[in-house]
Amino acid sequence: MAEDLYVSPATVRTHVENVLGKLQAHSRLEAVVVGAREGLL
């Protein structure tokens, strides 16, 4: 993902962690479930 976006892996990791925190999710899969339930996807 980082290569496609021309950013460092650390930047991607930080953004993923921030999204997980805002959704109060513990994993990427849980974030997808929460996002779908809330109509974000």
N, C-alpha and C. Protein backbone atom coordinates (compact mmCIF):
# COMPACT_ATOMS: atom_id res chain seq x y z
N MET A 1 0.82 -1.18 0.00
CA MET A 1 0.00 0.00 0.00
C MET A 1 0.87 1.25 0.00
N ALA A 2 1.92 1.22 0.79
CA ALA A 2 2.81 2.38 0.88
C ALA A 2 3.42 2.73 -0.47
N GLU A 3 3.84 1.72 -1.21
CA GLU A 3 4.44 1.99 -2.52
C GLU A 3 3.43 2.62 -3.46
N ASP A 4 2.19 2.13 -3.45
CA ASP A 4 1.16 2.67 -4.32
C ASP A 4 0.85 4.13 -4.00
N LEU A 5 0.97 4.50 -2.73
CA LEU A 5 0.66 5.86 -2.30
C LEU A 5 1.89 6.75 -2.22
N TYR A 6 3.07 6.18 -2.48
CA TYR A 6 4.33 6.93 -2.43
C TYR A 6 4.58 7.52 -1.04
N VAL A 7 4.29 6.73 -0.01
CA VAL A 7 4.57 7.13 1.37
C VAL A 7 5.31 5.98 2.04
N SER A 8 5.82 6.22 3.23
CA SER A 8 6.54 5.18 3.94
C SER A 8 5.57 4.21 4.62
N PRO A 9 6.02 2.99 4.86
CA PRO A 9 5.17 2.04 5.59
C PRO A 9 4.76 2.56 6.97
N ALA A 10 5.63 3.33 7.61
CA ALA A 10 5.30 3.90 8.91
C ALA A 10 4.12 4.87 8.81
N THR A 11 4.05 5.62 7.73
CA THR A 11 2.94 6.55 7.53
C THR A 11 1.64 5.79 7.37
N VAL A 12 1.66 4.73 6.59
CA VAL A 12 0.46 3.91 6.41
C VAL A 12 0.04 3.32 7.75
N ARG A 13 1.00 2.78 8.49
CA ARG A 13 0.71 2.19 9.79
C ARG A 13 0.05 3.20 10.72
N THR A 14 0.56 4.42 10.74
CA THR A 14 0.00 5.47 11.59
C THR A 14 -1.43 5.79 11.20
N HIS A 15 -1.69 5.90 9.91
CA HIS A 15 -3.04 6.21 9.45
C HIS A 15 -4.01 5.07 9.79
N VAL A 16 -3.56 3.84 9.61
CA VAL A 16 -4.40 2.69 9.95
C VAL A 16 -4.71 2.69 11.44
N GLU A 17 -3.72 2.94 12.27
CA GLU A 17 -3.94 3.00 13.72
C GLU A 17 -4.93 4.10 14.08
N ASN A 18 -4.84 5.24 13.41
CA ASN A 18 -5.76 6.35 13.69
C ASN A 18 -7.19 5.98 13.30
N VAL A 19 -7.36 5.33 12.16
CA VAL A 19 -8.69 4.90 11.73
C VAL A 19 -9.26 3.88 12.71
N LEU A 20 -8.44 2.91 13.11
CA LEU A 20 -8.90 1.91 14.07
C LEU A 20 -9.34 2.58 15.38
N GLY A 21 -8.58 3.56 15.82
CA GLY A 21 -8.93 4.26 17.05
C GLY A 21 -10.24 5.02 16.92
N LYS A 22 -10.43 5.71 15.81
CA LYS A 22 -11.66 6.48 15.63
C LYS A 22 -12.88 5.59 15.53
N LEU A 23 -12.71 4.40 14.98
CA LEU A 23 -13.82 3.45 14.87
C LEU A 23 -13.93 2.56 16.10
N GLN A 24 -13.02 2.72 17.03
CA GLN A 24 -12.95 1.87 18.23
C GLN A 24 -12.91 0.40 17.84
N ALA A 25 -12.08 0.09 16.84
CA ALA A 25 -11.93 -1.27 16.34
C ALA A 25 -10.55 -1.79 16.74
N HIS A 26 -10.45 -3.10 16.92
CA HIS A 26 -9.18 -3.70 17.31
C HIS A 26 -8.43 -4.33 16.15
N SER A 27 -9.08 -4.44 14.99
CA SER A 27 -8.42 -5.02 13.82
C SER A 27 -8.99 -4.38 12.56
N ARG A 28 -8.29 -4.60 11.46
CA ARG A 28 -8.78 -4.07 10.19
C ARG A 28 -10.12 -4.70 9.82
N LEU A 29 -10.27 -5.98 10.09
CA LEU A 29 -11.53 -6.66 9.79
C LEU A 29 -12.67 -6.04 10.60
N GLU A 30 -12.43 -5.80 11.87
CA GLU A 30 -13.46 -5.18 12.70
C GLU A 30 -13.78 -3.77 12.19
N ALA A 31 -12.78 -3.06 11.72
CA ALA A 31 -13.01 -1.72 11.17
C ALA A 31 -13.91 -1.78 9.95
N VAL A 32 -13.74 -2.79 9.11
CA VAL A 32 -14.59 -2.96 7.93
C VAL A 32 -16.02 -3.23 8.36
N VAL A 33 -16.20 -4.09 9.36
CA VAL A 33 -17.54 -4.41 9.86
C VAL A 33 -18.20 -3.16 10.42
N VAL A 34 -17.48 -2.41 11.24
CA VAL A 34 -18.02 -1.19 11.83
C VAL A 34 -18.35 -0.18 10.73
N GLY A 35 -17.45 -0.01 9.77
CA GLY A 35 -17.67 0.92 8.68
C GLY A 35 -18.90 0.55 7.86
N ALA A 36 -19.09 -0.72 7.59
CA ALA A 36 -20.26 -1.17 6.83
C ALA A 36 -21.53 -0.93 7.65
N ARG A 37 -21.48 -1.24 8.92
CA ARG A 37 -22.66 -1.07 9.78
C ARG A 37 -23.06 0.40 9.88
N GLU A 38 -22.06 1.30 9.89
CA GLU A 38 -22.33 2.73 10.01
C GLU A 38 -22.59 3.41 8.67
N GLY A 39 -22.56 2.64 7.59
CA GLY A 39 -22.82 3.21 6.26
C GLY A 39 -21.67 4.00 5.70
N LEU A 40 -20.46 3.73 6.17
CA LEU A 40 -19.28 4.45 5.70
C LEU A 40 -18.69 3.85 4.43
N LEU A 41 -19.10 2.64 4.10
CA LEU A 41 -18.56 1.95 2.93
C LEU A 41 -19.59 1.85 1.83
